[in-house]
Amino acid sequence: MIPKTKEPLKELEKIRKEVPLFTEEEIKRMIKESKKEWSKLEWFISIAGFFSNFFSQSPKWIKCAKVIRSREKKAVSTIVLMEIKYRGIKKFGIRKTREILHKIKSSKSICIFDVTKEIAELAADLRVKYYDKEKKPVSYADMISLATAIMTRCKILYSGDPDFTDIKEIKTVIV
């Protein structure tokens, strides 16, 4: 619960001095449940626009391709799948979107993480910290992606969204 003070962000920082990361056992269990085999996640890919750039071969697609095609272990949130499906249907149609989702879900280097209650709570805290209606209207979906990246101990968050530019909790690369 966010305290009702004049300075809620300072109070929030006091409450969340340390992000409650998933334990190694929890991460291994989630990876096992997704039927993927590896020990460490390197990158987190956020936002459907990243995949959209790749699959549409937009001018940014080469940068996105290097990340998606690399053998480094990557994580995505189920929220990213929702964004991909919604944006993909509008941009590519249903058939192409199903192909895109199938490639992501069957990739040996991408692990898909469900939104847990811990991720949801951290996402809410992060939205309180970063949301500014005029300057930075970060979405709930973006904060869920950020929280998932943090809690799964990914080293880098890749995104096509400039709203991630000033994030301090994890190294961020905007493509």
N, C-alpha and C. Protein backbone atom coordinates (compact mmCIF):
# COMPACT_ATOMS: atom_id res chain seq x y z
N MET A 1 0.83 -1.17 0.00
CA MET A 1 0.00 0.00 0.00
C MET A 1 0.87 1.24 0.00
N ILE A 2 0.55 2.22 -0.82
CA ILE A 2 1.33 3.44 -0.91
C ILE A 2 0.91 4.38 0.21
N PRO A 3 1.88 4.87 0.97
CA PRO A 3 1.54 5.75 2.08
C PRO A 3 0.97 7.07 1.60
N LYS A 4 0.06 7.64 2.38
CA LYS A 4 -0.55 8.92 2.04
C LYS A 4 0.24 10.03 2.73
N THR A 5 1.28 10.47 2.07
CA THR A 5 2.10 11.56 2.59
C THR A 5 2.28 12.58 1.49
N LYS A 6 2.92 13.68 1.82
CA LYS A 6 3.18 14.70 0.81
C LYS A 6 4.26 14.26 -0.16
N GLU A 7 5.08 13.32 0.25
CA GLU A 7 6.17 12.84 -0.58
C GLU A 7 6.09 11.32 -0.74
N PRO A 8 5.10 10.83 -1.50
CA PRO A 8 4.93 9.37 -1.60
C PRO A 8 6.11 8.65 -2.22
N LEU A 9 6.84 9.30 -3.13
CA LEU A 9 7.96 8.61 -3.76
C LEU A 9 9.10 8.35 -2.77
N LYS A 10 9.36 9.30 -1.88
CA LYS A 10 10.39 9.09 -0.87
C LYS A 10 9.98 7.97 0.09
N GLU A 11 8.70 7.95 0.45
CA GLU A 11 8.20 6.89 1.32
C GLU A 11 8.28 5.54 0.62
N LEU A 12 7.96 5.53 -0.66
CA LEU A 12 8.03 4.30 -1.44
C LEU A 12 9.47 3.79 -1.49
N GLU A 13 10.42 4.69 -1.67
CA GLU A 13 11.83 4.28 -1.69
C GLU A 13 12.23 3.65 -0.36
N LYS A 14 11.74 4.18 0.74
CA LYS A 14 12.05 3.60 2.05
C LYS A 14 11.48 2.19 2.17
N ILE A 15 10.26 2.00 1.66
CA ILE A 15 9.60 0.70 1.73
C ILE A 15 10.32 -0.31 0.84
N ARG A 16 10.70 0.12 -0.35
CA ARG A 16 11.32 -0.78 -1.33
C ARG A 16 12.81 -0.51 -1.46
N LYS A 17 13.55 -0.61 -0.37
CA LYS A 17 14.99 -0.39 -0.44
C LYS A 17 15.64 -1.47 -1.30
N GLU A 18 15.06 -2.64 -1.26
CA GLU A 18 15.60 -3.73 -2.04
C GLU A 18 14.45 -4.41 -2.78
N VAL A 19 14.60 -4.55 -4.07
CA VAL A 19 13.56 -5.20 -4.86
C VAL A 19 13.53 -6.68 -4.50
N PRO A 20 12.35 -7.23 -4.20
CA PRO A 20 12.26 -8.64 -3.82
C PRO A 20 12.40 -9.55 -5.03
N LEU A 21 13.63 -9.87 -5.37
CA LEU A 21 13.88 -10.70 -6.55
C LEU A 21 13.38 -12.12 -6.31
N PHE A 22 13.03 -12.78 -7.41
CA PHE A 22 12.71 -14.19 -7.30
C PHE A 22 13.98 -14.94 -6.90
N THR A 23 13.83 -15.99 -6.15
CA THR A 23 14.98 -16.81 -5.79
C THR A 23 15.39 -17.61 -7.02
N GLU A 24 16.61 -18.13 -6.99
CA GLU A 24 17.08 -18.96 -8.10
C GLU A 24 16.16 -20.16 -8.31
N GLU A 25 15.67 -20.74 -7.21
CA GLU A 25 14.78 -21.89 -7.31
C GLU A 25 13.46 -21.52 -8.00
N GLU A 26 12.92 -20.34 -7.67
CA GLU A 26 11.67 -19.90 -8.30
C GLU A 26 11.86 -19.69 -9.80
N ILE A 27 12.98 -19.07 -10.17
CA ILE A 27 13.25 -18.84 -11.59
C ILE A 27 13.41 -20.18 -12.31
N LYS A 28 14.16 -21.10 -11.71
CA LYS A 28 14.34 -22.43 -12.32
C LYS A 28 13.00 -23.14 -12.50
N ARG A 29 12.12 -23.03 -11.47
CA ARG A 29 10.80 -23.65 -11.57
C ARG A 29 10.00 -23.04 -12.72
N MET A 30 10.01 -21.72 -12.83
CA MET A 30 9.25 -21.06 -13.90
C MET A 30 9.80 -21.44 -15.27
N ILE A 31 11.11 -21.52 -15.39
CA ILE A 31 11.72 -21.92 -16.66
C ILE A 31 11.35 -23.36 -16.98
N LYS A 32 11.42 -24.24 -15.97
CA LYS A 32 11.06 -25.65 -16.17
C LYS A 32 9.61 -25.78 -16.62
N GLU A 33 8.73 -25.00 -15.99
CA GLU A 33 7.31 -25.04 -16.37
C GLU A 33 7.10 -24.56 -17.80
N SER A 34 7.99 -23.70 -18.29
CA SER A 34 7.86 -23.23 -19.67
C SER A 34 8.53 -24.19 -20.65
N LYS A 35 9.10 -25.28 -20.11
CA LYS A 35 9.75 -26.33 -20.90
C LYS A 35 10.97 -25.82 -21.67
N LYS A 36 11.66 -24.83 -21.11
CA LYS A 36 12.90 -24.33 -21.68
C LYS A 36 14.03 -24.82 -20.78
N GLU A 37 15.22 -24.95 -21.36
CA GLU A 37 16.34 -25.47 -20.57
C GLU A 37 17.52 -24.51 -20.62
N TRP A 38 17.77 -23.83 -19.53
CA TRP A 38 18.96 -23.03 -19.33
C TRP A 38 19.00 -22.53 -17.92
N SER A 39 20.12 -21.94 -17.55
CA SER A 39 20.24 -21.52 -16.16
C SER A 39 20.12 -20.02 -15.95
N LYS A 40 20.63 -19.21 -16.86
CA LYS A 40 20.60 -17.77 -16.62
C LYS A 40 19.96 -17.04 -17.79
N LEU A 41 19.15 -16.06 -17.45
CA LEU A 41 18.55 -15.20 -18.44
C LEU A 41 19.44 -13.98 -18.61
N GLU A 42 19.68 -13.60 -19.85
CA GLU A 42 20.55 -12.47 -20.10
C GLU A 42 19.76 -11.20 -20.38
N TRP A 43 18.75 -11.33 -21.22
CA TRP A 43 18.07 -10.14 -21.71
C TRP A 43 16.58 -10.27 -21.49
N PHE A 44 15.94 -9.14 -21.36
CA PHE A 44 14.49 -9.09 -21.31
C PHE A 44 14.04 -8.24 -22.48
N ILE A 45 13.09 -8.73 -23.25
CA ILE A 45 12.58 -7.96 -24.38
C ILE A 45 11.21 -7.45 -24.00
N SER A 46 11.06 -6.16 -24.07
CA SER A 46 9.81 -5.53 -23.70
C SER A 46 9.19 -4.88 -24.93
N ILE A 47 7.92 -4.79 -24.91
CA ILE A 47 7.10 -4.04 -25.84
C ILE A 47 6.98 -4.71 -27.21
N ALA A 48 5.78 -4.78 -27.62
CA ALA A 48 5.45 -5.43 -28.89
C ALA A 48 6.11 -4.73 -30.06
N GLY A 49 6.33 -3.43 -29.95
CA GLY A 49 6.94 -2.67 -31.04
C GLY A 49 8.30 -3.22 -31.41
N PHE A 50 9.02 -3.78 -30.44
CA PHE A 50 10.33 -4.38 -30.70
C PHE A 50 10.18 -5.55 -31.67
N PHE A 51 9.24 -6.44 -31.38
CA PHE A 51 8.99 -7.57 -32.26
C PHE A 51 8.38 -7.11 -33.57
N SER A 52 7.52 -6.11 -33.49
CA SER A 52 6.88 -5.58 -34.70
C SER A 52 7.92 -5.04 -35.66
N ASN A 53 8.91 -4.31 -35.14
CA ASN A 53 9.99 -3.79 -36.00
C ASN A 53 10.72 -4.94 -36.67
N PHE A 54 10.94 -6.00 -35.92
CA PHE A 54 11.66 -7.15 -36.47
C PHE A 54 10.87 -7.83 -37.58
N PHE A 55 9.62 -8.16 -37.29
CA PHE A 55 8.83 -8.92 -38.24
C PHE A 55 8.37 -8.11 -39.46
N SER A 56 8.27 -6.80 -39.33
CA SER A 56 7.86 -5.99 -40.47
C SER A 56 9.05 -5.51 -41.28
N GLN A 57 10.25 -5.78 -40.76
CA GLN A 57 11.49 -5.33 -41.36
C GLN A 57 11.50 -3.82 -41.56
N SER A 58 11.09 -3.11 -40.50
CA SER A 58 11.15 -1.66 -40.50
C SER A 58 12.63 -1.24 -40.47
N PRO A 59 12.92 0.05 -40.56
CA PRO A 59 14.33 0.48 -40.53
C PRO A 59 15.09 0.01 -39.29
N LYS A 60 14.39 -0.25 -38.19
CA LYS A 60 15.06 -0.70 -36.97
C LYS A 60 15.22 -2.22 -36.91
N TRP A 61 14.77 -2.92 -37.93
CA TRP A 61 14.69 -4.37 -37.83
C TRP A 61 16.04 -5.05 -37.67
N ILE A 62 17.11 -4.48 -38.23
CA ILE A 62 18.43 -5.12 -38.12
C ILE A 62 18.88 -5.17 -36.67
N LYS A 63 18.70 -4.07 -35.93
CA LYS A 63 19.07 -4.05 -34.51
C LYS A 63 18.22 -5.06 -33.73
N CYS A 64 16.93 -5.08 -34.03
CA CYS A 64 16.03 -6.01 -33.34
C CYS A 64 16.39 -7.45 -33.67
N ALA A 65 16.75 -7.70 -34.93
CA ALA A 65 17.10 -9.06 -35.37
C ALA A 65 18.31 -9.59 -34.62
N LYS A 66 19.30 -8.73 -34.39
CA LYS A 66 20.49 -9.17 -33.66
C LYS A 66 20.13 -9.68 -32.27
N VAL A 67 19.22 -8.99 -31.61
CA VAL A 67 18.81 -9.40 -30.26
C VAL A 67 17.96 -10.66 -30.32
N ILE A 68 16.94 -10.67 -31.17
CA ILE A 68 16.02 -11.80 -31.23
C ILE A 68 16.71 -13.07 -31.70
N ARG A 69 17.59 -12.96 -32.68
CA ARG A 69 18.24 -14.15 -33.24
C ARG A 69 19.45 -14.62 -32.45
N SER A 70 19.91 -13.83 -31.50
CA SER A 70 21.08 -14.23 -30.73
C SER A 70 20.78 -15.48 -29.91
N ARG A 71 21.83 -16.15 -29.50
CA ARG A 71 21.66 -17.35 -28.68
C ARG A 71 21.54 -17.02 -27.20
N GLU A 72 21.71 -15.75 -26.87
CA GLU A 72 21.56 -15.33 -25.47
C GLU A 72 20.15 -15.68 -25.01
N LYS A 73 20.03 -16.04 -23.75
CA LYS A 73 18.73 -16.40 -23.20
C LYS A 73 17.93 -15.14 -22.92
N LYS A 74 16.71 -15.10 -23.41
CA LYS A 74 15.85 -13.92 -23.31
C LYS A 74 14.56 -14.26 -22.59
N ALA A 75 13.99 -13.25 -21.96
CA ALA A 75 12.71 -13.43 -21.28
C ALA A 75 11.72 -12.41 -21.82
N VAL A 76 10.47 -12.79 -21.85
CA VAL A 76 9.38 -11.86 -22.15
C VAL A 76 8.25 -12.15 -21.18
N SER A 77 7.45 -11.14 -20.96
CA SER A 77 6.28 -11.29 -20.09
C SER A 77 5.09 -11.71 -20.95
N THR A 78 4.13 -12.36 -20.33
CA THR A 78 2.90 -12.70 -21.06
C THR A 78 2.21 -11.42 -21.55
N ILE A 79 2.45 -10.32 -20.88
CA ILE A 79 1.88 -9.03 -21.30
C ILE A 79 2.40 -8.66 -22.69
N VAL A 80 3.68 -8.97 -22.97
CA VAL A 80 4.24 -8.68 -24.28
C VAL A 80 3.51 -9.49 -25.35
N LEU A 81 3.15 -10.73 -25.02
CA LEU A 81 2.38 -11.54 -25.99
C LEU A 81 1.03 -10.88 -26.29
N MET A 82 0.40 -10.33 -25.26
CA MET A 82 -0.88 -9.65 -25.45
C MET A 82 -0.69 -8.45 -26.39
N GLU A 83 0.36 -7.67 -26.13
CA GLU A 83 0.62 -6.49 -26.97
C GLU A 83 0.92 -6.90 -28.41
N ILE A 84 1.71 -7.96 -28.57
CA ILE A 84 2.04 -8.44 -29.92
C ILE A 84 0.78 -8.87 -30.65
N LYS A 85 -0.08 -9.61 -29.98
CA LYS A 85 -1.30 -10.09 -30.63
C LYS A 85 -2.18 -8.91 -31.04
N TYR A 86 -2.38 -7.96 -30.15
CA TYR A 86 -3.23 -6.81 -30.46
C TYR A 86 -2.65 -5.98 -31.61
N ARG A 87 -1.38 -5.59 -31.45
CA ARG A 87 -0.76 -4.76 -32.50
C ARG A 87 -0.55 -5.53 -33.79
N GLY A 88 -0.19 -6.80 -33.65
CA GLY A 88 0.05 -7.62 -34.83
C GLY A 88 -1.18 -7.78 -35.70
N ILE A 89 -2.31 -8.05 -35.08
CA ILE A 89 -3.56 -8.21 -35.86
C ILE A 89 -3.86 -6.94 -36.62
N LYS A 90 -3.68 -5.79 -35.97
CA LYS A 90 -3.95 -4.51 -36.63
C LYS A 90 -2.97 -4.23 -37.76
N LYS A 91 -1.70 -4.63 -37.58
CA LYS A 91 -0.67 -4.30 -38.56
C LYS A 91 -0.49 -5.37 -39.64
N PHE A 92 -0.55 -6.65 -39.25
CA PHE A 92 -0.24 -7.73 -40.18
C PHE A 92 -1.42 -8.64 -40.52
N GLY A 93 -2.48 -8.60 -39.71
CA GLY A 93 -3.58 -9.53 -39.88
C GLY A 93 -3.42 -10.73 -38.96
N ILE A 94 -4.46 -11.53 -38.87
CA ILE A 94 -4.49 -12.66 -37.93
C ILE A 94 -3.48 -13.74 -38.29
N ARG A 95 -3.41 -14.14 -39.54
CA ARG A 95 -2.52 -15.24 -39.93
C ARG A 95 -1.06 -14.94 -39.62
N LYS A 96 -0.57 -13.79 -40.05
CA LYS A 96 0.83 -13.41 -39.81
C LYS A 96 1.09 -13.27 -38.30
N THR A 97 0.14 -12.74 -37.56
CA THR A 97 0.30 -12.58 -36.12
C THR A 97 0.41 -13.94 -35.44
N ARG A 98 -0.38 -14.91 -35.87
CA ARG A 98 -0.26 -16.26 -35.31
C ARG A 98 1.13 -16.85 -35.58
N GLU A 99 1.67 -16.60 -36.77
CA GLU A 99 3.02 -17.07 -37.10
C GLU A 99 4.05 -16.43 -36.19
N ILE A 100 3.91 -15.13 -35.96
CA ILE A 100 4.84 -14.40 -35.10
C ILE A 100 4.79 -14.97 -33.69
N LEU A 101 3.58 -15.13 -33.14
CA LEU A 101 3.43 -15.67 -31.79
C LEU A 101 3.99 -17.09 -31.69
N HIS A 102 3.76 -17.89 -32.72
CA HIS A 102 4.29 -19.26 -32.72
C HIS A 102 5.82 -19.24 -32.69
N LYS A 103 6.44 -18.37 -33.47
CA LYS A 103 7.90 -18.28 -33.48
C LYS A 103 8.44 -17.89 -32.11
N ILE A 104 7.77 -16.95 -31.47
CA ILE A 104 8.22 -16.52 -30.14
C ILE A 104 8.03 -17.64 -29.13
N LYS A 105 6.85 -18.25 -29.12
CA LYS A 105 6.55 -19.29 -28.13
C LYS A 105 7.38 -20.55 -28.31
N SER A 106 7.80 -20.83 -29.54
CA SER A 106 8.58 -22.04 -29.79
C SER A 106 10.09 -21.79 -29.81
N SER A 107 10.50 -20.56 -29.65
CA SER A 107 11.92 -20.23 -29.65
C SER A 107 12.62 -20.91 -28.48
N LYS A 108 13.79 -21.46 -28.76
CA LYS A 108 14.56 -22.12 -27.71
C LYS A 108 15.31 -21.11 -26.84
N SER A 109 15.37 -19.85 -27.29
CA SER A 109 16.11 -18.87 -26.50
C SER A 109 15.21 -17.84 -25.81
N ILE A 110 13.89 -18.00 -25.91
CA ILE A 110 12.96 -17.07 -25.26
C ILE A 110 12.12 -17.81 -24.23
N CYS A 111 12.14 -17.33 -23.00
CA CYS A 111 11.31 -17.88 -21.94
C CYS A 111 10.21 -16.88 -21.64
N ILE A 112 8.97 -17.35 -21.57
CA ILE A 112 7.83 -16.49 -21.33
C ILE A 112 7.40 -16.64 -19.88
N PHE A 113 7.34 -15.50 -19.17
CA PHE A 113 6.99 -15.51 -17.76
C PHE A 113 5.58 -14.97 -17.54
N ASP A 114 4.81 -15.70 -16.73
CA ASP A 114 3.48 -15.23 -16.34
C ASP A 114 3.62 -14.07 -15.36
N VAL A 115 2.58 -13.28 -15.26
CA VAL A 115 2.54 -12.20 -14.28
C VAL A 115 2.10 -12.79 -12.95
N THR A 116 2.98 -12.70 -11.97
CA THR A 116 2.67 -13.19 -10.63
C THR A 116 2.19 -12.02 -9.77
N LYS A 117 1.70 -12.33 -8.59
CA LYS A 117 1.27 -11.25 -7.70
C LYS A 117 2.45 -10.38 -7.29
N GLU A 118 3.63 -10.97 -7.15
CA GLU A 118 4.82 -10.19 -6.80
C GLU A 118 5.20 -9.22 -7.92
N ILE A 119 5.12 -9.71 -9.16
CA ILE A 119 5.41 -8.86 -10.31
C ILE A 119 4.39 -7.73 -10.38
N ALA A 120 3.12 -8.05 -10.16
CA ALA A 120 2.06 -7.03 -10.21
C ALA A 120 2.28 -5.94 -9.17
N GLU A 121 2.66 -6.34 -7.96
CA GLU A 121 2.89 -5.35 -6.90
C GLU A 121 4.09 -4.47 -7.21
N LEU A 122 5.18 -5.09 -7.68
CA LEU A 122 6.35 -4.29 -8.03
C LEU A 122 6.03 -3.36 -9.20
N ALA A 123 5.27 -3.84 -10.17
CA ALA A 123 4.89 -3.01 -11.32
C ALA A 123 4.11 -1.77 -10.86
N ALA A 124 3.22 -1.96 -9.90
CA ALA A 124 2.45 -0.82 -9.37
C ALA A 124 3.39 0.18 -8.70
N ASP A 125 4.34 -0.32 -7.91
CA ASP A 125 5.30 0.56 -7.25
C ASP A 125 6.14 1.32 -8.28
N LEU A 126 6.56 0.63 -9.32
CA LEU A 126 7.36 1.27 -10.37
C LEU A 126 6.56 2.32 -11.12
N ARG A 127 5.28 2.06 -11.32
CA ARG A 127 4.43 3.05 -12.01
C ARG A 127 4.29 4.30 -11.14
N VAL A 128 4.14 4.12 -9.84
CA VAL A 128 4.09 5.28 -8.94
C VAL A 128 5.39 6.08 -9.06
N LYS A 129 6.50 5.39 -9.13
CA LYS A 129 7.79 6.05 -9.20
C LYS A 129 7.99 6.80 -10.52
N TYR A 130 7.62 6.20 -11.65
CA TYR A 130 7.97 6.76 -12.96
C TYR A 130 6.85 7.50 -13.69
N TYR A 131 5.61 7.32 -13.28
CA TYR A 131 4.50 7.92 -14.02
C TYR A 131 4.45 9.44 -13.83
N ASP A 132 4.33 10.13 -14.95
CA ASP A 132 4.11 11.57 -14.96
C ASP A 132 3.22 11.84 -16.16
N LYS A 133 2.02 12.31 -15.91
CA LYS A 133 1.00 12.45 -16.96
C LYS A 133 1.51 13.27 -18.15
N GLU A 134 2.23 14.36 -17.88
CA GLU A 134 2.70 15.20 -18.97
C GLU A 134 4.03 14.74 -19.56
N LYS A 135 4.96 14.37 -18.71
CA LYS A 135 6.31 14.06 -19.18
C LYS A 135 6.53 12.60 -19.56
N LYS A 136 5.95 11.71 -18.78
CA LYS A 136 6.22 10.29 -18.99
C LYS A 136 5.02 9.45 -18.58
N PRO A 137 4.04 9.33 -19.45
CA PRO A 137 2.85 8.53 -19.10
C PRO A 137 3.07 7.04 -19.33
N VAL A 138 3.95 6.44 -18.53
CA VAL A 138 4.27 5.02 -18.69
C VAL A 138 3.02 4.16 -18.45
N SER A 139 2.90 3.12 -19.22
CA SER A 139 1.72 2.26 -19.13
C SER A 139 1.89 1.18 -18.07
N TYR A 140 0.77 0.60 -17.67
CA TYR A 140 0.81 -0.54 -16.75
C TYR A 140 1.57 -1.70 -17.40
N ALA A 141 1.32 -1.92 -18.69
CA ALA A 141 1.99 -3.03 -19.39
C ALA A 141 3.50 -2.85 -19.37
N ASP A 142 3.96 -1.63 -19.60
CA ASP A 142 5.40 -1.39 -19.58
C ASP A 142 5.99 -1.65 -18.20
N MET A 143 5.27 -1.26 -17.17
CA MET A 143 5.78 -1.47 -15.81
C MET A 143 5.75 -2.94 -15.42
N ILE A 144 4.79 -3.70 -15.96
CA ILE A 144 4.79 -5.15 -15.73
C ILE A 144 6.01 -5.77 -16.41
N SER A 145 6.32 -5.32 -17.61
CA SER A 145 7.52 -5.81 -18.30
C SER A 145 8.78 -5.47 -17.50
N LEU A 146 8.87 -4.25 -17.03
CA LEU A 146 10.03 -3.83 -16.24
C LEU A 146 10.13 -4.66 -14.96
N ALA A 147 9.03 -4.83 -14.26
CA ALA A 147 9.04 -5.63 -13.02
C ALA A 147 9.45 -7.07 -13.30
N THR A 148 8.98 -7.64 -14.38
CA THR A 148 9.36 -9.02 -14.74
C THR A 148 10.86 -9.11 -15.01
N ALA A 149 11.39 -8.13 -15.74
CA ALA A 149 12.82 -8.12 -16.04
C ALA A 149 13.65 -8.03 -14.76
N ILE A 150 13.23 -7.18 -13.85
CA ILE A 150 13.95 -7.01 -12.59
C ILE A 150 13.88 -8.29 -11.76
N MET A 151 12.70 -8.83 -11.60
CA MET A 151 12.52 -9.98 -10.71
C MET A 151 13.10 -11.27 -11.26
N THR A 152 13.27 -11.36 -12.56
CA THR A 152 13.89 -12.55 -13.15
C THR A 152 15.39 -12.35 -13.34
N ARG A 153 15.90 -11.24 -12.83
CA ARG A 153 17.34 -10.95 -12.81
C ARG A 153 17.97 -10.83 -14.19
N CYS A 154 17.23 -10.36 -15.15
CA CYS A 154 17.82 -10.13 -16.46
C CYS A 154 18.83 -8.99 -16.35
N LYS A 155 19.85 -9.05 -17.19
CA LYS A 155 20.90 -8.04 -17.13
C LYS A 155 20.57 -6.79 -17.93
N ILE A 156 19.84 -6.95 -19.03
CA ILE A 156 19.53 -5.82 -19.91
C ILE A 156 18.08 -5.91 -20.35
N LEU A 157 17.41 -4.76 -20.37
CA LEU A 157 16.05 -4.68 -20.89
C LEU A 157 16.13 -4.00 -22.25
N TYR A 158 15.69 -4.68 -23.30
CA TYR A 158 15.64 -4.11 -24.65
C TYR A 158 14.21 -3.67 -24.93
N SER A 159 14.08 -2.49 -25.48
CA SER A 159 12.75 -1.97 -25.79
C SER A 159 12.82 -1.04 -26.98
N GLY A 160 11.68 -0.83 -27.58
CA GLY A 160 11.56 0.18 -28.63
C GLY A 160 10.90 1.42 -28.08
N ASP A 161 10.64 1.46 -26.79
CA ASP A 161 9.88 2.52 -26.15
C ASP A 161 10.80 3.49 -25.41
N PRO A 162 10.84 4.77 -25.84
CA PRO A 162 11.71 5.74 -25.17
C PRO A 162 11.31 6.02 -23.72
N ASP A 163 10.12 5.60 -23.29
CA ASP A 163 9.73 5.79 -21.89
C ASP A 163 10.66 5.04 -20.94
N PHE A 164 11.40 4.07 -21.44
CA PHE A 164 12.32 3.31 -20.60
C PHE A 164 13.69 3.98 -20.45
N THR A 165 13.89 5.13 -21.07
CA THR A 165 15.19 5.79 -21.08
C THR A 165 15.76 6.06 -19.70
N ASP A 166 14.98 6.57 -18.78
CA ASP A 166 15.50 6.97 -17.47
C ASP A 166 15.31 5.94 -16.37
N ILE A 167 15.06 4.71 -16.73
CA ILE A 167 14.87 3.64 -15.74
C ILE A 167 16.20 3.37 -15.05
N LYS A 168 16.18 3.29 -13.74
CA LYS A 168 17.41 3.13 -12.97
C LYS A 168 17.62 1.71 -12.44
N GLU A 169 16.59 0.90 -12.42
CA GLU A 169 16.68 -0.42 -11.79
C GLU A 169 17.42 -1.47 -12.63
N ILE A 170 17.52 -1.24 -13.93
CA ILE A 170 18.13 -2.23 -14.83
C ILE A 170 18.72 -1.50 -16.03
N LYS A 171 19.81 -2.02 -16.56
CA LYS A 171 20.39 -1.43 -17.76
C LYS A 171 19.36 -1.56 -18.89
N THR A 172 19.15 -0.47 -19.61
CA THR A 172 18.13 -0.44 -20.65
C THR A 172 18.72 -0.02 -21.98
N VAL A 173 18.36 -0.73 -23.04
CA VAL A 173 18.78 -0.38 -24.39
C VAL A 173 17.54 -0.11 -25.22
N ILE A 174 17.44 1.11 -25.74
CA ILE A 174 16.31 1.49 -26.59
C ILE A 174 16.74 1.30 -28.03
N VAL A 175 15.99 0.49 -28.76
CA VAL A 175 16.33 0.20 -30.16
C VAL A 175 15.47 1.07 -31.05
